[in-house]
Amino acid sequence: MQTILVICAAHSGYRRAGVEFQKGENVFAGDSFSDNQIAQIEADPRLKFVLQANAAEITPITQGDNTAGLLDSTGVSTALSFGEAIAQLDRNNPDHFTSAGKPQLGALEPLMQQPLTAKQRDELWEAHNALPDTTQSEG
């Protein structure tokens, strides 16, 4: 079964193509949108549309407070979303991030279980960076 990930850089409650999006990652079943809706979403600069292969049921596997990966109902590893993959990477590891501060394709692809072009990575990275950072606290 496929899922659709729409990353929304606009405010929660943002609407496009008759659908309300929350700020950040929004996951939908693969058959949730018509071709016309997909075209409208892809044309919107505040939204990033990503089609992902996925299992029917996903259960998070955690270690402490960090998600270590995802397993489907059969125990098979499934692809992480871009945001989940980024959370698994170490910003101080040159195998994970470029000298320009972007995530390495070689580090993302195994986690997301799909090939990415530099352009796709850059678009996802830009949308990801437009989201508020809730992982760090000031002080």
Protein backbone atom coordinates (compact mmCIF):
# COMPACT_ATOMS: atom_id res chain seq x y z
CA MET A 1 0.00 0.00 0.00
CA GLN A 2 1.23 3.48 -0.78
CA THR A 3 0.95 6.53 1.41
CA ILE A 4 1.13 10.19 0.54
CA LEU A 5 3.16 12.57 2.66
CA VAL A 6 2.35 16.27 2.31
CA ILE A 7 4.72 18.61 4.14
CA CYS A 8 2.99 21.89 4.91
CA ALA A 9 5.15 24.96 5.52
CA ALA A 10 2.06 27.14 6.08
CA HIS A 11 0.04 27.43 9.31
CA SER A 12 -2.11 24.59 10.68
CA GLY A 13 -5.53 24.76 9.10
CA TYR A 14 -4.10 25.75 5.70
CA ARG A 15 -6.44 24.54 2.94
CA ARG A 16 -5.68 23.51 -0.62
CA ALA A 17 -7.59 21.24 -3.03
CA GLY A 18 -10.45 20.92 -0.53
CA VAL A 19 -8.17 19.47 2.16
CA GLU A 20 -7.10 21.00 5.48
CA PHE A 21 -3.41 20.54 6.33
CA GLN A 22 -1.58 20.81 9.63
CA LYS A 23 1.81 22.53 9.74
CA GLY A 24 4.48 19.87 9.24
CA GLU A 25 4.01 16.33 7.98
CA ASN A 26 0.54 15.13 6.95
CA VAL A 27 0.14 11.45 5.98
CA PHE A 28 -2.71 10.17 3.78
CA ALA A 29 -3.67 6.86 2.18
CA GLY A 30 -2.36 6.55 -1.38
CA ASP A 31 -5.83 6.84 -2.90
CA SER A 32 -6.89 9.94 -0.92
CA PHE A 33 -6.49 12.45 -3.74
CA SER A 34 -7.76 12.83 -7.31
CA ASP A 35 -5.32 13.75 -10.09
CA ASN A 36 -6.73 17.30 -10.00
CA GLN A 37 -6.12 17.60 -6.25
CA ILE A 38 -2.56 16.27 -6.63
CA ALA A 39 -1.88 18.87 -9.34
CA GLN A 40 -3.16 21.66 -7.05
CA ILE A 41 -1.06 20.45 -4.12
CA GLU A 42 2.10 20.08 -6.24
CA ALA A 43 1.61 23.60 -7.65
CA ASP A 44 1.44 25.17 -4.18
CA PRO A 45 4.86 26.40 -3.00
CA ARG A 46 3.82 25.97 0.66
CA LEU A 47 3.17 22.24 0.19
CA LYS A 48 5.54 19.40 -0.71
CA PHE A 49 3.90 16.24 -2.09
CA VAL A 50 5.74 12.91 -1.63
CA LEU A 51 4.38 9.49 -2.65
CA GLN A 52 5.82 6.69 -0.48
CA ALA A 53 5.62 2.91 -0.59
CA ASN A 54 4.47 1.74 2.80
CA ALA A 55 3.02 -1.20 4.69
CA ALA A 56 -0.62 -1.38 5.74
CA GLU A 57 0.09 -1.08 9.45
CA ILE A 58 3.06 0.69 10.98
CA THR A 59 4.17 0.44 14.59
CA PRO A 60 6.86 2.75 15.94
CA ILE A 61 9.78 1.00 17.64
CA THR A 62 11.26 3.25 20.30
CA GLN A 63 14.39 3.35 22.40
CA GLY A 64 13.80 5.76 25.25
CA ASP A 65 12.31 8.91 23.78
CA ASN A 66 13.76 8.47 20.28
CA THR A 67 12.09 6.60 17.44
CA ALA A 68 14.62 4.00 16.29
CA GLY A 69 12.72 2.85 13.22
CA LEU A 70 9.40 1.59 11.97
CA LEU A 71 8.15 -1.96 11.58
CA ASP A 72 4.99 -3.04 9.81
CA SER A 73 2.61 -5.67 11.21
CA THR A 74 4.84 -8.47 9.83
CA GLY A 75 7.99 -7.11 11.50
CA VAL A 76 9.48 -5.83 8.23
CA SER A 77 11.25 -2.48 8.30
CA THR A 78 9.43 0.30 6.41
CA ALA A 79 10.54 3.63 5.07
CA LEU A 80 10.87 6.64 7.34
CA SER A 81 9.52 10.02 6.30
CA PHE A 82 12.03 12.77 5.53
CA GLY A 83 11.53 14.35 8.97
CA GLU A 84 11.90 11.01 10.75
CA ALA A 85 15.06 10.24 8.75
CA ILE A 86 16.58 13.65 9.62
CA ALA A 87 15.91 12.97 13.31
CA GLN A 88 18.03 9.80 13.04
CA LEU A 89 21.06 11.62 11.59
CA ASP A 90 23.97 13.16 13.52
CA ARG A 91 24.65 16.75 12.42
CA ASN A 92 28.30 16.40 13.50
CA ASN A 93 28.89 13.31 11.34
CA PRO A 94 30.25 14.19 7.85
CA ASP A 95 28.73 10.94 6.55
CA HIS A 96 25.31 12.31 7.53
CA PHE A 97 25.57 16.01 6.61
CA THR A 98 27.47 17.91 3.92
CA SER A 99 29.85 20.76 4.70
CA ALA A 100 27.00 23.04 3.55
CA GLY A 101 24.80 21.60 6.31
CA LYS A 102 22.47 19.53 4.10
CA PRO A 103 21.73 15.87 4.80
CA GLN A 104 23.80 13.42 2.72
CA LEU A 105 21.84 11.45 0.13
CA GLY A 106 23.73 8.31 1.14
CA ALA A 107 22.50 8.69 4.72
CA LEU A 108 18.87 9.50 3.80
CA GLU A 109 18.22 6.87 1.13
CA PRO A 110 18.56 3.77 3.36
CA LEU A 111 16.32 5.31 6.02
CA MET A 112 13.68 6.45 3.54
CA GLN A 113 14.13 3.27 1.47
CA GLN A 114 13.99 5.18 -1.79
CA PRO A 115 16.48 6.91 -4.07
CA LEU A 116 16.57 10.71 -3.88
CA THR A 117 18.04 13.27 -6.23
CA ALA A 118 19.88 16.26 -4.82
CA LYS A 119 17.00 18.45 -6.06
CA GLN A 120 14.41 16.35 -4.20
CA ARG A 121 16.54 16.40 -1.06
CA ASP A 122 16.97 20.18 -1.33
CA GLU A 123 13.20 20.74 -1.72
CA LEU A 124 12.40 18.50 1.25
CA TRP A 125 15.19 20.12 3.29
CA GLU A 126 13.85 23.60 2.52
CA ALA A 127 10.32 22.59 3.55
CA HIS A 128 11.67 20.86 6.67
CA ASN A 129 13.63 23.97 7.69
CA ALA A 130 10.53 26.13 7.23
CA LEU A 131 8.90 24.23 10.11
CA PRO A 132 9.31 25.45 13.69
CA ASP A 133 12.06 23.62 15.59
CA THR A 134 10.46 21.76 18.48
CA THR A 135 13.49 19.59 19.28
CA GLN A 136 15.68 22.25 20.86
CA SER A 137 14.97 24.48 23.81
CA GLU A 138 16.59 27.80 24.52
CA GLY A 139 18.54 28.12 27.66
